[in-house]
Amino acid sequence: MTTVLYDDIFQLVREPIDPHSLIDHVRAPEDGAIVTFDGFVRNQSHNRPTLYLEYEAYESMALTKMRGIAAELHEKYRIHRVAIVHRLGRLEIGETSVFIAVSAPHRADAFGACRFAIDTLKRTVPIWKKEHFEDGAVWADGELPPAPVATPRAKPAS
């Protein structure tokens, strides 16, 4: 059995994301391209002015899913390194909420892998976004944190 080790980064952070350090981390002499995705907080949603966003996550599962996305990237694309970082907590307009960097010898694989990473992250990673407006707040696009798991009642002894 061959063990493949990649020097990838997966993080959930509560402080601002530093894109330059992530780009520097994935860059290597054998690469010819780095493609990044910088998702940041916009000032409106559905024609309503947004005040700020809050992100919550099921953190251990989110990190596991992020590692799984990277494993898929390494299987599907000829890439070198991946960095996936998502911010949690309160974010103001213009702040980066998610940053992905992918390095590869060739641009086509870097582009494809970066697109796959963000699309898969949005669909599968348990991170939820709450949008705050002047007249209230809503969980975005039906994204809700999971309900507490009910514990079954013990059956009365007969």
C-alpha atoms as a PDB file:
ATOM      1  CA  MET A   1       0.000   0.000   0.000  1.00  0.00           C
ATOM      2  CA  THR A   2       1.351   3.395  -0.987  1.00  0.00           C
ATOM      3  CA  THR A   3       0.751   6.340   1.312  1.00  0.00           C
ATOM      4  CA  VAL A   4       0.570   9.658  -0.481  1.00  0.00           C
ATOM      5  CA  LEU A   5       1.237  12.735   1.584  1.00  0.00           C
ATOM      6  CA  TYR A   6       0.285  16.179   0.360  1.00  0.00           C
ATOM      7  CA  ASP A   7       1.182  19.401   2.079  1.00  0.00           C
ATOM      8  CA  ASP A   8      -2.386  20.713   1.880  1.00  0.00           C
ATOM      9  CA  ILE A   9      -4.060  23.168   4.263  1.00  0.00           C
ATOM     10  CA  PHE A  10      -7.597  22.896   5.684  1.00  0.00           C
ATOM     11  CA  GLN A  11      -8.703  25.439   8.251  1.00  0.00           C
ATOM     12  CA  LEU A  12     -11.719  26.991   9.887  1.00  0.00           C
ATOM     13  CA  VAL A  13     -10.665  30.352  11.312  1.00  0.00           C
ATOM     14  CA  ARG A  14     -12.218  33.207  13.252  1.00  0.00           C
ATOM     15  CA  GLU A  15      -9.671  35.815  12.208  1.00  0.00           C
ATOM     16  CA  PRO A  16      -9.185  37.396   8.760  1.00  0.00           C
ATOM     17  CA  ILE A  17      -7.848  35.035   6.111  1.00  0.00           C
ATOM     18  CA  ASP A  18      -4.391  35.817   4.701  1.00  0.00           C
ATOM     19  CA  PRO A  19      -4.543  34.905   0.984  1.00  0.00           C
ATOM     20  CA  HIS A  20      -0.861  35.717   0.375  1.00  0.00           C
ATOM     21  CA  SER A  21       0.397  33.147   2.898  1.00  0.00           C
ATOM     22  CA  LEU A  22      -1.885  30.492   1.380  1.00  0.00           C
ATOM     23  CA  ILE A  23      -0.686  31.259  -2.147  1.00  0.00           C
ATOM     24  CA  ASP A  24       2.928  31.138  -0.958  1.00  0.00           C
ATOM     25  CA  HIS A  25       2.237  27.776   0.699  1.00  0.00           C
ATOM     26  CA  VAL A  26       0.851  26.072  -2.412  1.00  0.00           C
ATOM     27  CA  ARG A  27       3.491  27.534  -4.794  1.00  0.00           C
ATOM     28  CA  ALA A  28       6.324  25.183  -5.775  1.00  0.00           C
ATOM     29  CA  PRO A  29       9.013  25.158  -8.491  1.00  0.00           C
ATOM     30  CA  GLU A  30       7.329  22.249 -10.319  1.00  0.00           C
ATOM     31  CA  ASP A  31       4.080  24.217 -10.708  1.00  0.00           C
ATOM     32  CA  GLY A  32       3.144  26.467 -13.591  1.00  0.00           C
ATOM     33  CA  ALA A  33      -0.159  27.785 -12.266  1.00  0.00           C
ATOM     34  CA  ILE A  34      -2.012  28.723  -9.121  1.00  0.00           C
ATOM     35  CA  VAL A  35      -5.741  29.379  -9.320  1.00  0.00           C
ATOM     36  CA  THR A  36      -7.546  30.981  -6.400  1.00  0.00           C
ATOM     37  CA  PHE A  37     -11.110  31.562  -5.357  1.00  0.00           C
ATOM     38  CA  ASP A  38     -11.763  34.451  -2.964  1.00  0.00           C
ATOM     39  CA  GLY A  39     -15.367  34.461  -1.740  1.00  0.00           C
ATOM     40  CA  PHE A  40     -16.172  37.614   0.202  1.00  0.00           C
ATOM     41  CA  VAL A  41     -19.145  39.321   1.823  1.00  0.00           C
ATOM     42  CA  ARG A  42     -21.168  41.505  -0.544  1.00  0.00           C
ATOM     43  CA  ASN A  43     -23.331  44.428   0.507  1.00  0.00           C
ATOM     44  CA  GLN A  44     -26.631  43.014  -0.771  1.00  0.00           C
ATOM     45  CA  SER A  45     -28.545  39.805  -1.162  1.00  0.00           C
ATOM     46  CA  HIS A  46     -31.807  39.334  -3.074  1.00  0.00           C
ATOM     47  CA  ASN A  47     -32.056  43.113  -3.598  1.00  0.00           C
ATOM     48  CA  ARG A  48     -31.770  43.804   0.153  1.00  0.00           C
ATOM     49  CA  PRO A  49     -28.867  45.685   1.725  1.00  0.00           C
ATOM     50  CA  THR A  50     -26.792  43.298   3.840  1.00  0.00           C
ATOM     51  CA  LEU A  51     -25.353  44.594   7.123  1.00  0.00           C
ATOM     52  CA  TYR A  52     -23.051  41.630   7.883  1.00  0.00           C
ATOM     53  CA  LEU A  53     -22.921  37.816   7.806  1.00  0.00           C
ATOM     54  CA  GLU A  54     -22.413  35.162  10.443  1.00  0.00           C
ATOM     55  CA  TYR A  55     -21.037  31.722   9.693  1.00  0.00           C
ATOM     56  CA  GLU A  56     -21.444  28.614  11.839  1.00  0.00           C
ATOM     57  CA  ALA A  57     -20.131  25.114  11.227  1.00  0.00           C
ATOM     58  CA  TYR A  58     -20.115  21.599  12.517  1.00  0.00           C
ATOM     59  CA  GLU A  59     -16.365  22.033  12.760  1.00  0.00           C
ATOM     60  CA  SER A  60     -14.991  18.499  13.009  1.00  0.00           C
ATOM     61  CA  MET A  61     -17.204  17.285  10.182  1.00  0.00           C
ATOM     62  CA  ALA A  62     -16.458  20.379   8.074  1.00  0.00           C
ATOM     63  CA  LEU A  63     -12.706  19.738   8.302  1.00  0.00           C
ATOM     64  CA  THR A  64     -13.218  16.061   7.434  1.00  0.00           C
ATOM     65  CA  LYS A  65     -15.285  17.039   4.383  1.00  0.00           C
ATOM     66  CA  MET A  66     -12.666  19.605   3.315  1.00  0.00           C
ATOM     67  CA  ARG A  67      -9.976  16.902   3.473  1.00  0.00           C
ATOM     68  CA  GLY A  68     -12.254  14.666   1.390  1.00  0.00           C
ATOM     69  CA  ILE A  69     -12.624  17.376  -1.240  1.00  0.00           C
ATOM     70  CA  ALA A  70      -8.836  17.680  -1.474  1.00  0.00           C
ATOM     71  CA  ALA A  71      -8.475  13.901  -1.795  1.00  0.00           C
ATOM     72  CA  GLU A  72     -10.937  14.000  -4.709  1.00  0.00           C
ATOM     73  CA  LEU A  73      -9.011  16.860  -6.302  1.00  0.00           C
ATOM     74  CA  HIS A  74      -5.781  14.869  -6.146  1.00  0.00           C
ATOM     75  CA  GLU A  75      -7.548  11.881  -7.746  1.00  0.00           C
ATOM     76  CA  LYS A  76      -9.339  13.795 -10.532  1.00  0.00           C
ATOM     77  CA  TYR A  77      -6.778  16.452 -11.462  1.00  0.00           C
ATOM     78  CA  ARG A  78      -3.015  16.680 -11.892  1.00  0.00           C
ATOM     79  CA  ILE A  79      -2.483  19.156  -9.066  1.00  0.00           C
ATOM     80  CA  HIS A  80       0.243  19.704  -6.516  1.00  0.00           C
ATOM     81  CA  ARG A  81      -1.203  21.418  -3.411  1.00  0.00           C
ATOM     82  CA  VAL A  82      -4.520  22.719  -2.130  1.00  0.00           C
ATOM     83  CA  ALA A  83      -5.426  25.248   0.556  1.00  0.00           C
ATOM     84  CA  ILE A  84      -9.059  25.551   1.699  1.00  0.00           C
ATOM     85  CA  VAL A  85      -9.810  28.032   4.472  1.00  0.00           C
ATOM     86  CA  HIS A  86     -13.260  29.142   5.648  1.00  0.00           C
ATOM     87  CA  ARG A  87     -13.964  31.871   8.140  1.00  0.00           C
ATOM     88  CA  LEU A  88     -16.500  31.490  10.958  1.00  0.00           C
ATOM     89  CA  GLY A  89     -18.217  34.078  13.138  1.00  0.00           C
ATOM     90  CA  ARG A  90     -19.223  37.607  12.184  1.00  0.00           C
ATOM     91  CA  LEU A  91     -17.921  38.986   8.892  1.00  0.00           C
ATOM     92  CA  GLU A  92     -18.289  42.537   7.653  1.00  0.00           C
ATOM     93  CA  ILE A  93     -18.876  43.666   4.059  1.00  0.00           C
ATOM     94  CA  GLY A  94     -15.792  43.010   1.929  1.00  0.00           C
ATOM     95  CA  GLU A  95     -14.191  40.446   4.251  1.00  0.00           C
ATOM     96  CA  THR A  96     -13.143  37.094   2.799  1.00  0.00           C
ATOM     97  CA  SER A  97     -15.347  34.221   3.939  1.00  0.00           C
ATOM     98  CA  VAL A  98     -13.704  31.414   1.960  1.00  0.00           C
ATOM     99  CA  PHE A  99     -10.376  31.186   0.166  1.00  0.00           C
ATOM    100  CA  ILE A 100      -9.181  28.312  -1.985  1.00  0.00           C
ATOM    101  CA  ALA A 101      -5.810  28.040  -3.715  1.00  0.00           C
ATOM    102  CA  VAL A 102      -4.777  25.185  -6.012  1.00  0.00           C
ATOM    103  CA  SER A 103      -1.347  24.746  -7.580  1.00  0.00           C
ATOM    104  CA  ALA A 104      -0.657  22.547 -10.584  1.00  0.00           C
ATOM    105  CA  PRO A 105       1.880  22.099 -13.355  1.00  0.00           C
ATOM    106  CA  HIS A 106      -0.735  23.284 -15.884  1.00  0.00           C
ATOM    107  CA  ARG A 107      -3.545  25.869 -15.700  1.00  0.00           C
ATOM    108  CA  ALA A 108      -6.373  23.645 -16.946  1.00  0.00           C
ATOM    109  CA  ASP A 109      -6.061  21.309 -13.955  1.00  0.00           C
ATOM    110  CA  ALA A 110      -5.675  24.224 -11.535  1.00  0.00           C
ATOM    111  CA  PHE A 111      -8.830  25.913 -12.883  1.00  0.00           C
ATOM    112  CA  GLY A 112     -10.859  22.696 -12.918  1.00  0.00           C
ATOM    113  CA  ALA A 113      -9.790  21.690  -9.433  1.00  0.00           C
ATOM    114  CA  CYS A 114     -10.484  25.114  -7.922  1.00  0.00           C
ATOM    115  CA  ARG A 115     -13.969  25.213  -9.464  1.00  0.00           C
ATOM    116  CA  PHE A 116     -14.702  21.671  -8.279  1.00  0.00           C
ATOM    117  CA  ALA A 117     -13.472  22.569  -4.775  1.00  0.00           C
ATOM    118  CA  ILE A 118     -15.751  25.581  -4.239  1.00  0.00           C
ATOM    119  CA  ASP A 119     -18.783  23.946  -5.850  1.00  0.00           C
ATOM    120  CA  THR A 120     -18.360  20.802  -3.742  1.00  0.00           C
ATOM    121  CA  LEU A 121     -17.655  22.773  -0.568  1.00  0.00           C
ATOM    122  CA  LYS A 122     -20.891  24.771  -0.964  1.00  0.00           C
ATOM    123  CA  ARG A 123     -22.903  21.561  -1.498  1.00  0.00           C
ATOM    124  CA  THR A 124     -21.374  19.221   1.063  1.00  0.00           C
ATOM    125  CA  VAL A 125     -19.525  20.959   3.889  1.00  0.00           C
ATOM    126  CA  PRO A 126     -21.632  21.712   6.997  1.00  0.00           C
ATOM    127  CA  ILE A 127     -21.070  25.482   7.126  1.00  0.00           C
ATOM    128  CA  TRP A 128     -24.091  27.769   7.396  1.00  0.00           C
ATOM    129  CA  LYS A 129     -24.467  31.443   6.559  1.00  0.00           C
ATOM    130  CA  LYS A 130     -26.831  33.830   8.320  1.00  0.00           C
ATOM    131  CA  GLU A 131     -27.473  37.129   6.523  1.00  0.00           C
ATOM    132  CA  HIS A 132     -28.287  40.157   8.658  1.00  0.00           C
ATOM    133  CA  PHE A 133     -30.454  42.977   7.272  1.00  0.00           C
ATOM    134  CA  GLU A 134     -31.927  46.103   8.855  1.00  0.00           C
ATOM    135  CA  ASP A 135     -35.262  44.330   9.357  1.00  0.00           C
ATOM    136  CA  GLY A 136     -33.974  40.972  10.597  1.00  0.00           C
ATOM    137  CA  ALA A 137     -31.830  37.985   9.698  1.00  0.00           C
ATOM    138  CA  VAL A 138     -32.262  34.821   7.631  1.00  0.00           C
ATOM    139  CA  TRP A 139     -30.275  31.679   6.987  1.00  0.00           C
ATOM    140  CA  ALA A 140     -29.149  31.988   3.359  1.00  0.00           C
ATOM    141  CA  ASP A 141     -30.639  29.833   0.624  1.00  0.00           C
ATOM    142  CA  GLY A 142     -32.329  27.479   3.029  1.00  0.00           C
ATOM    143  CA  GLU A 143     -29.024  26.747   4.775  1.00  0.00           C
ATOM    144  CA  LEU A 144     -29.868  25.853   8.343  1.00  0.00           C
ATOM    145  CA  PRO A 145     -27.707  24.474  11.098  1.00  0.00           C
ATOM    146  CA  PRO A 146     -28.726  20.941  11.994  1.00  0.00           C
ATOM    147  CA  ALA A 147     -31.505  20.439  14.495  1.00  0.00           C
ATOM    148  CA  PRO A 148     -30.478  18.784  17.736  1.00  0.00           C
ATOM    149  CA  VAL A 149     -30.625  15.012  17.504  1.00  0.00           C
ATOM    150  CA  ALA A 150     -33.504  13.585  19.481  1.00  0.00           C
ATOM    151  CA  THR A 151     -32.658  10.781  21.838  1.00  0.00           C
ATOM    152  CA  PRO A 152     -35.124   7.923  21.803  1.00  0.00           C
ATOM    153  CA  ARG A 153     -37.075   7.351  24.969  1.00  0.00           C
ATOM    154  CA  ALA A 154     -36.517   4.151  26.840  1.00  0.00           C
ATOM    155  CA  LYS A 155     -39.476   1.801  26.616  1.00  0.00           C
ATOM    156  CA  PRO A 156     -41.165   1.196  29.942  1.00  0.00           C
ATOM    157  CA  ALA A 157     -40.440  -2.198  31.430  1.00  0.00           C
ATOM    158  CA  SER A 158     -43.317  -4.633  30.973  1.00  0.00           C
END
